C-alpha atoms as a PDB file:
ATOM      1  CA  MET A   1     -77.261  52.503 -58.126  1.00  0.00           C
ATOM      2  CA  ARG A   2     -74.431  52.613 -60.640  1.00  0.00           C
ATOM      3  CA  SER A   3     -75.660  49.370 -62.256  1.00  0.00           C
ATOM      4  CA  ASN A   4     -79.219  50.697 -62.514  1.00  0.00           C
ATOM      5  CA  ARG A   5     -77.971  53.961 -63.995  1.00  0.00           C
ATOM      6  CA  ARG A   6     -75.932  52.090 -66.579  1.00  0.00           C
ATOM      7  CA  GLY A   7     -78.990  50.150 -67.668  1.00  0.00           C
ATOM      8  CA  SER A   8     -81.100  53.284 -67.981  1.00  0.00           C
ATOM      9  CA  MET A   9     -78.403  54.938 -70.102  1.00  0.00           C
ATOM     10  CA  LEU A  10     -78.461  52.013 -72.525  1.00  0.00           C
ATOM     11  CA  ALA A  11     -82.235  52.211 -72.791  1.00  0.00           C
ATOM     12  CA  GLU A  12     -82.111  55.967 -73.362  1.00  0.00           C
ATOM     13  CA  PHE A  13     -79.428  55.562 -76.011  1.00  0.00           C
ATOM     14  CA  ALA A  14     -81.489  52.879 -77.787  1.00  0.00           C
ATOM     15  CA  VAL A  15     -84.477  55.226 -77.990  1.00  0.00           C
ATOM     16  CA  VAL A  16     -82.424  58.274 -79.042  1.00  0.00           C
ATOM     17  CA  SER A  17     -80.373  56.302 -81.600  1.00  0.00           C
ATOM     18  CA  ILE A  18     -83.542  55.345 -83.514  1.00  0.00           C
ATOM     19  CA  VAL A  19     -84.509  58.997 -83.820  1.00  0.00           C
ATOM     20  CA  LEU A  20     -80.971  59.969 -84.832  1.00  0.00           C
ATOM     21  CA  PHE A  21     -80.876  57.203 -87.447  1.00  0.00           C
ATOM     22  CA  LEU A  22     -84.155  58.370 -88.971  1.00  0.00           C
ATOM     23  CA  MET A  23     -82.955  61.974 -89.001  1.00  0.00           C
ATOM     24  CA  LEU A  24     -79.650  61.019 -90.628  1.00  0.00           C
ATOM     25  CA  SER A  25     -81.369  58.814 -93.223  1.00  0.00           C
ATOM     26  CA  THR A  26     -83.828  61.590 -94.036  1.00  0.00           C
ATOM     27  CA  ILE A  27     -81.044  64.143 -94.443  1.00  0.00           C
ATOM     28  CA  LEU A  28     -79.096  61.802 -96.721  1.00  0.00           C
ATOM     29  CA  SER A  29     -82.206  60.971 -98.767  1.00  0.00           C
ATOM     30  CA  PHE A  30     -83.209  64.590 -99.293  1.00  0.00           C
ATOM     31  CA  GLY A  31     -79.592  65.524-100.011  1.00  0.00           C
ATOM     32  CA  MET A  32     -79.409  62.892-102.755  1.00  0.00           C
ATOM     33  CA  ILE A  33     -82.758  63.986-104.187  1.00  0.00           C
ATOM     34  CA  LEU A  34     -81.640  67.625-104.271  1.00  0.00           C
ATOM     35  CA  LEU A  35     -78.380  66.629-105.975  1.00  0.00           C
ATOM     36  CA  GLN A  36     -80.222  64.626-108.640  1.00  0.00           C
ATOM     37  CA  ALA A  37     -82.772  67.408-109.102  1.00  0.00           C
ATOM     38  CA  ASN A  38     -79.969  69.893-109.698  1.00  0.00           C
ATOM     39  CA  VAL A  39     -78.358  67.563-112.261  1.00  0.00           C
ATOM     40  CA  ALA A  40     -81.710  67.066-114.010  1.00  0.00           C
ATOM     41  CA  GLN A  41     -82.497  70.778-114.211  1.00  0.00           C
ATOM     42  CA  GLN A  42     -79.044  71.776-115.456  1.00  0.00           C
ATOM     43  CA  ALA A  43     -78.988  69.020-118.080  1.00  0.00           C
ATOM     44  CA  ALA A  44     -82.495  69.917-119.309  1.00  0.00           C
ATOM     45  CA  ASP A  45     -81.638  73.600-119.562  1.00  0.00           C
ATOM     46  CA  VAL A  46     -78.401  72.996-121.490  1.00  0.00           C
ATOM     47  CA  CYS A  47     -80.014  70.392-123.770  1.00  0.00           C
ATOM     48  CA  ALA A  48     -82.937  72.676-124.726  1.00  0.00           C
ATOM     49  CA  ARG A  49     -80.649  75.659-125.249  1.00  0.00           C
ATOM     50  CA  GLU A  50     -78.134  73.769-127.401  1.00  0.00           C
ATOM     51  CA  ILE A  51     -80.843  72.221-129.583  1.00  0.00           C
ATOM     52  CA  ALA A  52     -82.468  75.644-130.005  1.00  0.00           C
ATOM     53  CA  LYS A  53     -79.162  77.000-131.333  1.00  0.00           C
ATOM     54  CA  TYR A  54     -78.445  73.953-133.512  1.00  0.00           C
ATOM     55  CA  PRO A  55     -78.955  74.347-137.306  1.00  0.00           C
ATOM     56  CA  LEU A  56     -82.048  72.163-137.655  1.00  0.00           C
ATOM     57  CA  PRO A  57     -84.518  72.094-140.559  1.00  0.00           C
ATOM     58  CA  PHE A  58     -87.741  74.034-139.969  1.00  0.00           C
ATOM     59  CA  ASP A  59     -89.772  70.798-139.680  1.00  0.00           C
ATOM     60  CA  ALA A  60     -87.289  68.965-137.430  1.00  0.00           C
ATOM     61  CA  GLN A  61     -88.324  65.886-135.480  1.00  0.00           C
ATOM     62  CA  LEU A  62     -86.173  65.223-132.429  1.00  0.00           C
ATOM     63  CA  PRO A  63     -85.266  61.583-131.638  1.00  0.00           C
ATOM     64  CA  LEU A  64     -86.367  62.114-128.039  1.00  0.00           C
ATOM     65  CA  SER A  65     -89.797  60.549-127.776  1.00  0.00           C
ATOM     66  CA  LEU A  66     -91.358  57.107-127.329  1.00  0.00           C
ATOM     67  CA  VAL A  67     -94.692  58.373-128.690  1.00  0.00           C
ATOM     68  CA  ASP A  68     -95.880  58.362-132.307  1.00  0.00           C
ATOM     69  CA  GLN A  69     -96.195  62.042-133.156  1.00  0.00           C
ATOM     70  CA  ALA A  70     -99.098  63.705-134.926  1.00  0.00           C
ATOM     71  CA  ASN A  71     -96.708  66.004-136.849  1.00  0.00           C
ATOM     72  CA  PRO A  72     -93.533  63.932-137.212  1.00  0.00           C
ATOM     73  CA  GLY A  73     -91.504  66.161-139.566  1.00  0.00           C
ATOM     74  CA  THR A  74     -87.948  65.406-140.708  1.00  0.00           C
ATOM     75  CA  ALA A  75     -85.883  63.169-138.428  1.00  0.00           C
ATOM     76  CA  VAL A  76     -82.662  64.888-137.330  1.00  0.00           C
ATOM     77  CA  ASP A  77     -79.382  63.867-135.736  1.00  0.00           C
ATOM     78  CA  ILE A  78     -78.459  65.551-132.438  1.00  0.00           C
ATOM     79  CA  SER A  79     -75.641  63.150-131.521  1.00  0.00           C
ATOM     80  CA  GLN A  80     -73.224  66.046-131.039  1.00  0.00           C
ATOM     81  CA  ILE A  81     -75.443  67.240-128.186  1.00  0.00           C
ATOM     82  CA  TYR A  82     -76.746  63.980-126.674  1.00  0.00           C
ATOM     83  CA  ARG A  83     -76.398  60.236-127.318  1.00  0.00           C
ATOM     84  CA  GLU A  84     -78.330  57.466-125.603  1.00  0.00           C
ATOM     85  CA  ASP A  85     -75.469  54.957-125.905  1.00  0.00           C
ATOM     86  CA  PHE A  86     -73.464  56.958-123.340  1.00  0.00           C
ATOM     87  CA  LEU A  87     -76.109  56.078-120.738  1.00  0.00           C
ATOM     88  CA  TYR A  88     -74.486  52.626-120.475  1.00  0.00           C
ATOM     89  CA  VAL A  89     -70.703  52.234-120.414  1.00  0.00           C
ATOM     90  CA  ASP A  90     -69.079  48.808-119.987  1.00  0.00           C
ATOM     91  CA  ALA A  91     -66.193  48.937-117.534  1.00  0.00           C
ATOM     92  CA  GLU A  92     -64.069  47.040-120.081  1.00  0.00           C
ATOM     93  CA  SER A  93     -64.505  49.812-122.647  1.00  0.00           C
ATOM     94  CA  LEU A  94     -62.761  52.392-120.457  1.00  0.00           C
ATOM     95  CA  GLY A  95     -59.363  51.199-121.669  1.00  0.00           C
ATOM     96  CA  GLY A  96     -57.620  51.918-118.387  1.00  0.00           C
ATOM     97  CA  GLN A  97     -59.151  55.386-118.036  1.00  0.00           C
ATOM     98  CA  SER A  98     -61.248  56.502-115.132  1.00  0.00           C
ATOM     99  CA  PHE A  99     -64.960  56.915-115.807  1.00  0.00           C
ATOM    100  CA  THR A 100     -64.588  60.677-115.376  1.00  0.00           C
ATOM    101  CA  ASP A 101     -61.841  60.854-118.009  1.00  0.00           C
ATOM    102  CA  TYR A 102     -63.798  58.610-120.365  1.00  0.00           C
ATOM    103  CA  MET A 103     -66.855  60.874-120.204  1.00  0.00           C
ATOM    104  CA  THR A 104     -64.858  63.909-121.345  1.00  0.00           C
ATOM    105  CA  SER A 105     -65.296  62.557-124.894  1.00  0.00           C
ATOM    106  CA  ALA A 106     -69.084  62.319-124.495  1.00  0.00           C
ATOM    107  CA  PRO A 107     -71.545  64.897-125.860  1.00  0.00           C
ATOM    108  CA  LEU A 108     -72.223  67.868-123.583  1.00  0.00           C
ATOM    109  CA  VAL A 109     -75.544  66.676-122.150  1.00  0.00           C
ATOM    110  CA  ASN A 110     -74.141  63.217-121.371  1.00  0.00           C
ATOM    111  CA  ARG A 111     -71.278  64.835-119.471  1.00  0.00           C
ATOM    112  CA  LEU A 112     -73.813  66.748-117.393  1.00  0.00           C
ATOM    113  CA  LEU A 113     -75.685  63.509-116.645  1.00  0.00           C
ATOM    114  CA  ALA A 114     -72.525  61.661-115.538  1.00  0.00           C
ATOM    115  CA  PRO A 115     -72.900  62.604-111.819  1.00  0.00           C
ATOM    116  CA  ALA A 116     -76.249  60.777-111.778  1.00  0.00           C
ATOM    117  CA  MET A 117     -74.802  57.548-113.194  1.00  0.00           C
ATOM    118  CA  ILE A 118     -74.017  54.554-110.974  1.00  0.00           C
ATOM    119  CA  PHE A 119     -71.650  51.595-111.103  1.00  0.00           C
ATOM    120  CA  ASP A 120     -73.645  48.393-111.490  1.00  0.00           C
ATOM    121  CA  THR A 121     -71.633  45.565-109.925  1.00  0.00           C
ATOM    122  CA  SER A 122     -73.871  42.850-111.389  1.00  0.00           C
ATOM    123  CA  LEU A 123     -73.358  44.132-114.950  1.00  0.00           C
ATOM    124  CA  GLN A 124     -69.867  45.577-114.423  1.00  0.00           C
ATOM    125  CA  ALA A 125     -70.896  48.809-116.111  1.00  0.00           C
ATOM    126  CA  TYR A 126     -71.455  52.473-115.407  1.00  0.00           C
ATOM    127  CA  ARG A 127     -75.036  53.318-116.213  1.00  0.00           C
ATOM    128  CA  PHE A 128     -77.907  55.709-115.721  1.00  0.00           C
ATOM    129  CA  PRO A 129     -80.459  54.559-113.082  1.00  0.00           C
ATOM    130  CA  GLY A 130     -83.409  52.706-114.571  1.00  0.00           C
ATOM    131  CA  ALA A 131     -84.010  49.594-116.676  1.00  0.00           C
ATOM    132  CA  VAL A 132     -81.160  48.430-118.914  1.00  0.00           C
ATOM    133  CA  VAL A 133     -82.541  47.782-122.397  1.00  0.00           C
ATOM    134  CA  LEU A 134     -81.343  47.031-125.902  1.00  0.00           C
ATOM    135  CA  HIS A 135     -82.283  49.539-128.624  1.00  0.00           C
ATOM    136  CA  ASP A 136     -80.917  49.249-132.166  1.00  0.00           C
ATOM    137  CA  ASP A 137     -78.345  46.728-130.837  1.00  0.00           C
ATOM    138  CA  VAL A 138     -77.091  49.324-128.329  1.00  0.00           C
ATOM    139  CA  LYS A 139     -77.434  49.017-124.554  1.00  0.00           C
ATOM    140  CA  THR A 140     -79.124  52.028-123.031  1.00  0.00           C
ATOM    141  CA  VAL A 141     -81.610  52.867-120.258  1.00  0.00           C
ATOM    142  CA  LEU A 142     -85.317  53.626-119.913  1.00  0.00           C
ATOM    143  CA  VAL A 143     -86.836  55.240-116.822  1.00  0.00           C
ATOM    144  CA  PRO A 144     -89.765  53.405-115.175  1.00  0.00           C
ATOM    145  CA  MET A 145     -92.586  55.367-113.559  1.00  0.00           C
ATOM    146  CA  VAL A 146     -94.784  53.059-111.492  1.00  0.00           C
ATOM    147  CA  ASN A 147     -98.468  53.633-110.840  1.00  0.00           C
ATOM    148  CA  VAL A 148     -98.787  52.839-107.126  1.00  0.00           C
ATOM    149  CA  SER A 149    -102.419  51.674-107.348  1.00  0.00           C
ATOM    150  CA  THR A 150    -102.087  49.416-110.433  1.00  0.00           C
ATOM    151  CA  ASN A 151     -98.357  48.494-110.386  1.00  0.00           C
ATOM    152  CA  GLU A 152     -98.195  49.395-114.070  1.00  0.00           C
ATOM    153  CA  ILE A 153     -95.034  50.954-115.486  1.00  0.00           C
ATOM    154  CA  THR A 154     -95.033  53.895-117.867  1.00  0.00           C
ATOM    155  CA  TRP A 155     -91.716  54.163-119.695  1.00  0.00           C
ATOM    156  CA  HIS A 156     -89.867  57.420-120.276  1.00  0.00           C
ATOM    157  CA  LEU A 157     -86.600  58.376-121.891  1.00  0.00           C
ATOM    158  CA  PRO A 158     -83.983  59.846-119.533  1.00  0.00           C
ATOM    159  CA  VAL A 159     -83.880  62.857-121.892  1.00  0.00           C
ATOM    160  CA  GLU A 160     -87.193  63.392-123.664  1.00  0.00           C
ATOM    161  CA  GLU A 161     -89.075  65.993-125.650  1.00  0.00           C
ATOM    162  CA  VAL A 162     -92.249  67.140-123.922  1.00  0.00           C
ATOM    163  CA  LEU A 163     -94.970  66.813-126.548  1.00  0.00           C
ATOM    164  CA  PHE A 164     -97.881  69.243-126.602  1.00  0.00           C
ATOM    165  CA  SER A 165    -101.226  67.543-125.822  1.00  0.00           C
ATOM    166  CA  GLY A 166     -99.433  64.208-125.659  1.00  0.00           C
ATOM    167  CA  ASN A 167     -98.326  63.705-129.266  1.00  0.00           C
ATOM    168  CA  VAL A 168     -97.661  67.081-130.966  1.00  0.00           C
ATOM    169  CA  SER A 169     -94.120  68.425-131.198  1.00  0.00           C
ATOM    170  CA  GLN A 170     -93.569  72.152-130.804  1.00  0.00           C
ATOM    171  CA  CYS A 171     -90.086  71.749-132.307  1.00  0.00           C
ATOM    172  CA  ASN A 172     -91.693  71.435-135.759  1.00  0.00           C
ATOM    173  CA  ALA A 173     -92.130  75.069-136.821  1.00  0.00           C
ATOM    174  CA  THR A 174     -94.437  74.427-139.776  1.00  0.00           C
ATOM    175  CA  PRO A 175     -97.866  73.496-138.433  1.00  0.00           C
ATOM    176  CA  GLN A 176    -100.361  76.218-137.610  1.00  0.00           C
ATOM    177  CA  LEU A 177    -102.481  74.082-135.329  1.00  0.00           C
ATOM    178  CA  ASP A 178    -105.702  75.184-133.725  1.00  0.00           C
ATOM    179  CA  LEU A 179    -104.550  74.169-130.253  1.00  0.00           C
ATOM    180  CA  ASP A 180    -104.887  76.565-127.356  1.00  0.00           C
ATOM    181  CA  GLY A 181    -101.395  77.372-126.097  1.00  0.00           C
ATOM    182  CA  PHE A 182     -99.499  75.684-128.943  1.00  0.00           C
ATOM    183  CA  VAL A 183     -96.314  77.508-129.991  1.00  0.00           C
ATOM    184  CA  ALA A 184     -94.528  76.328-133.129  1.00  0.00           C
ATOM    185  CA  GLY A 185     -90.741  76.376-133.042  1.00  0.00           C
ATOM    186  CA  ALA A 186     -90.210  75.741-129.327  1.00  0.00           C
ATOM    187  CA  ILE A 187     -87.792  73.251-127.801  1.00  0.00           C
ATOM    188  CA  VAL A 188     -89.261  71.670-124.664  1.00  0.00           C
ATOM    189  CA  ILE A 189     -86.980  69.149-122.946  1.00  0.00           C
ATOM    190  CA  ARG A 190     -87.404  67.101-119.778  1.00  0.00           C
ATOM    191  CA  VAL A 191     -84.714  65.094-117.984  1.00  0.00           C
ATOM    192  CA  ASN A 192     -85.858  62.228-115.723  1.00  0.00           C
ATOM    193  CA  ILE A 193     -83.646  60.714-113.013  1.00  0.00           C
ATOM    194  CA  PRO A 194     -84.883  57.870-110.748  1.00  0.00           C
ATOM    195  CA  VAL A 195     -84.048  58.283-107.057  1.00  0.00           C
ATOM    196  CA  GLN A 196     -84.459  56.000-104.061  1.00  0.00           C
ATOM    197  CA  SER A 197     -85.200  56.491-100.397  1.00  0.00           C
ATOM    198  CA  SER A 198     -83.016  55.009 -97.681  1.00  0.00           C
ATOM    199  CA  VAL A 199     -85.669  55.315 -94.967  1.00  0.00           C
ATOM    200  CA  MET A 200     -88.643  53.417 -96.426  1.00  0.00           C
ATOM    201  CA  THR A 201     -87.562  49.915 -95.441  1.00  0.00           C
ATOM    202  CA  GLY A 202     -89.657  47.187 -93.898  1.00  0.00           C
ATOM    203  CA  PHE A 203     -89.205  43.942 -91.983  1.00  0.00           C
ATOM    204  CA  GLN A 204     -91.374  41.020 -90.953  1.00  0.00           C
ATOM    205  CA  LYS A 205     -92.724  40.881 -87.404  1.00  0.00           C
ATOM    206  CA  PRO A 206     -90.143  40.057 -84.718  1.00  0.00           C
ATOM    207  CA  VAL A 207     -89.855  36.458 -83.533  1.00  0.00           C
ATOM    208  CA  ASP A 208     -91.612  37.231 -80.248  1.00  0.00           C
ATOM    209  CA  GLN A 209     -94.613  38.479 -82.271  1.00  0.00           C
ATOM    210  CA  GLY A 210     -94.934  35.418 -84.481  1.00  0.00           C
ATOM    211  CA  GLY A 211     -92.645  36.499 -87.339  1.00  0.00           C
ATOM    212  CA  ASP A 212     -89.059  35.793 -88.262  1.00  0.00           C
ATOM    213  CA  GLY A 213     -87.777  39.380 -88.372  1.00  0.00           C
ATOM    214  CA  SER A 214     -86.544  38.997 -91.947  1.00  0.00           C
ATOM    215  CA  PRO A 215     -86.550  41.954 -94.388  1.00  0.00           C
ATOM    216  CA  ILE A 216     -89.423  42.336 -96.850  1.00  0.00           C
ATOM    217  CA  GLU A 217     -87.736  42.275-100.250  1.00  0.00           C
ATOM    218  CA  ALA A 218     -89.391  44.025-103.161  1.00  0.00           C
ATOM    219  CA  ASP A 219     -89.371  41.973-106.360  1.00  0.00           C
ATOM    220  CA  ASP A 220     -90.775  42.174-109.886  1.00  0.00           C
ATOM    221  CA  THR A 221     -93.579  39.623-109.664  1.00  0.00           C
ATOM    222  CA  ALA A 222     -96.394  42.162-109.188  1.00  0.00           C
ATOM    223  CA  VAL A 223     -95.187  44.672-111.777  1.00  0.00           C
ATOM    224  CA  ILE A 224     -96.960  45.080-115.121  1.00  0.00           C
ATOM    225  CA  ALA A 225     -94.585  46.356-117.805  1.00  0.00           C
ATOM    226  CA  ASN A 226     -94.562  46.303-121.601  1.00  0.00           C
ATOM    227  CA  LEU A 227     -91.614  47.887-123.356  1.00  0.00           C
ATOM    228  CA  PRO A 228     -92.088  50.233-126.325  1.00  0.00           C
ATOM    229  CA  ALA A 229     -91.535  48.775-129.792  1.00  0.00           C
ATOM    230  CA  GLY A 230     -87.868  48.366-130.671  1.00  0.00           C
ATOM    231  CA  TYR A 231     -86.711  47.852-127.076  1.00  0.00           C
ATOM    232  CA  SER A 232     -85.894  44.615-125.242  1.00  0.00           C
ATOM    233  CA  PHE A 233     -84.773  43.843-121.693  1.00  0.00           C
ATOM    234  CA  VAL A 234     -81.159  43.000-120.927  1.00  0.00           C
ATOM    235  CA  VAL A 235     -81.726  41.691-117.391  1.00  0.00           C
ATOM    236  CA  GLU A 236     -83.917  38.649-116.692  1.00  0.00           C
ATOM    237  CA  ASP A 237     -86.735  38.431-114.123  1.00  0.00           C
ATOM    238  CA  ASN A 238     -85.497  39.092-110.581  1.00  0.00           C
ATOM    239  CA  ALA A 239     -81.894  39.019-111.774  1.00  0.00           C
ATOM    240  CA  GLY A 240     -79.253  41.718-111.894  1.00  0.00           C
ATOM    241  CA  PHE A 241     -78.791  42.121-108.165  1.00  0.00           C
ATOM    242  CA  ASP A 242     -75.742  42.055-105.910  1.00  0.00           C
ATOM    243  CA  GLU A 243     -74.722  38.863-104.149  1.00  0.00           C
ATOM    244  CA  ASP A 244     -76.827  39.944-101.175  1.00  0.00           C
ATOM    245  CA  GLY A 245     -79.815  40.218-103.518  1.00  0.00           C
ATOM    246  CA  ASN A 246     -80.666  43.813-102.685  1.00  0.00           C
ATOM    247  CA  GLN A 247     -79.121  46.155-105.202  1.00  0.00           C
ATOM    248  CA  ILE A 248     -81.048  49.425-105.157  1.00  0.00           C
ATOM    249  CA  HIS A 249     -80.973  49.966-108.928  1.00  0.00           C
ATOM    250  CA  GLY A 250     -80.950  46.328-110.055  1.00  0.00           C
ATOM    251  CA  GLY A 251     -83.506  43.997-111.540  1.00  0.00           C
ATOM    252  CA  LYS A 252     -85.243  43.655-114.862  1.00  0.00           C
ATOM    253  CA  TYR A 253     -87.123  46.934-114.502  1.00  0.00           C
ATOM    254  CA  GLY A 254     -84.395  48.835-112.677  1.00  0.00           C
ATOM    255  CA  LEU A 255     -86.650  49.141-109.622  1.00  0.00           C
ATOM    256  CA  GLY A 256     -84.193  47.522-107.261  1.00  0.00           C
ATOM    257  CA  ARG A 257     -84.818  45.033-104.513  1.00  0.00           C
ATOM    258  CA  GLN A 258     -84.291  47.252-101.547  1.00  0.00           C
ATOM    259  CA  PHE A 259     -86.367  46.242 -98.562  1.00  0.00           C
ATOM    260  CA  ALA A 260     -90.010  47.187 -99.112  1.00  0.00           C
ATOM    261  CA  PHE A 261     -91.967  49.312 -96.665  1.00  0.00           C
ATOM    262  CA  ALA A 262     -94.959  47.011 -97.114  1.00  0.00           C
ATOM    263  CA  LYS A 263     -95.783  44.030 -99.292  1.00  0.00           C
ATOM    264  CA  ASN A 264     -96.558  45.998-102.462  1.00  0.00           C
ATOM    265  CA  VAL A 265     -94.850  49.324-101.710  1.00  0.00           C
ATOM    266  CA  ARG A 266     -91.326  49.800-102.997  1.00  0.00           C
ATOM    267  CA  PRO A 267     -88.978  52.339-101.472  1.00  0.00           C
ATOM    268  CA  TYR A 268     -87.701  53.077-104.991  1.00  0.00           C
ATOM    269  CA  ARG A 269     -90.493  54.689-106.941  1.00  0.00           C
ATOM    270  CA  GLU A 270     -89.619  58.341-107.261  1.00  0.00           C
ATOM    271  CA  VAL A 271     -88.377  60.171-110.347  1.00  0.00           C
ATOM    272  CA  VAL A 272     -87.062  63.725-110.191  1.00  0.00           C
ATOM    273  CA  SER A 273     -87.416  65.759-113.373  1.00  0.00           C
ATOM    274  CA  GLY A 274     -86.022  68.994-114.722  1.00  0.00           C
ATOM    275  CA  GLN A 275     -87.650  70.835-117.628  1.00  0.00           C
ATOM    276  CA  ALA A 276     -86.563  73.682-119.887  1.00  0.00           C
ATOM    277  CA  ILE A 277     -88.170  75.598-122.783  1.00  0.00           C
ATOM    278  CA  TYR A 278     -86.345  77.595-125.463  1.00  0.00           C
ATOM    279  CA  ARG A 279     -87.629  79.249-128.626  1.00  0.00           C
ATOM    280  CA  ARG A 280     -85.740  78.601-131.849  1.00  0.00           C
ATOM    281  CA  GLU A 281     -85.578  80.509-135.096  1.00  0.00           C
ATOM    282  CA  ALA A 282     -86.590  78.602-138.201  1.00  0.00           C
ATOM    283  CA  LEU A 283     -86.667  79.930-141.772  1.00  0.00           C
ATOM    284  CA  LEU A 284     -89.786  78.634-143.472  1.00  0.00           C
ATOM    285  CA  PRO A 285     -89.757  77.966-147.241  1.00  0.00           C
ATOM    286  CA  ARG A 286     -91.689  80.316-149.523  1.00  0.00           C
END
């Protein structure tokens, strides 16, 4: 009787442990998503507010877009508020400091984004999640958004200006455009942070069902991605992973190689975004 009871306890624990594991993984996943969402919203709000207060020309063009704008205006420098080169920090450049201490010298928005940054063991660098790219000879990061049905990537800046109707900036206070809802002199900022799920993992069929039980690794072979002009990849195809080959944020496109839920479904495809809008005062010339 005692032997039979012991066996039933093991079976019960095996069943319950699966449920507990899924619950724990779900809690951790949603907790991480909520943390990143809070970072994104706070950074977007501070970025929009600081730019709105910054002494910009009336026809300012913010360097926060990958799209050719219909009303470009005068290019401005906002490096005191945000810099893209602080999205990638080589460990060697810390000079003996901790990453936290190093980031105290970064612009305000970059300091707010620091909690979302990761340490990439394959590159030996602290960086923002996403694809590591080279822009104007500076290493930085672009955020991939993957279309599930076509596997095509649309690229976004981690901190970007939200353009009205796709290519019109509301920051430029000069144009009186006949666009329903257009407001000249508004700062509209979005912050994008990639997140990953720890529960969407998949494995081949068990050995007793004709498989080998091995994990299904997501890779970059099915992804369609063309970088914007002026950007180039730092990581090669299917490179940039840990020794075990499964770094969550690694790879050429920053999509990771975490075990896939199915053949063409990655567990790392979500991007949380925070958005903020502020009006700014601009003195127009007479």
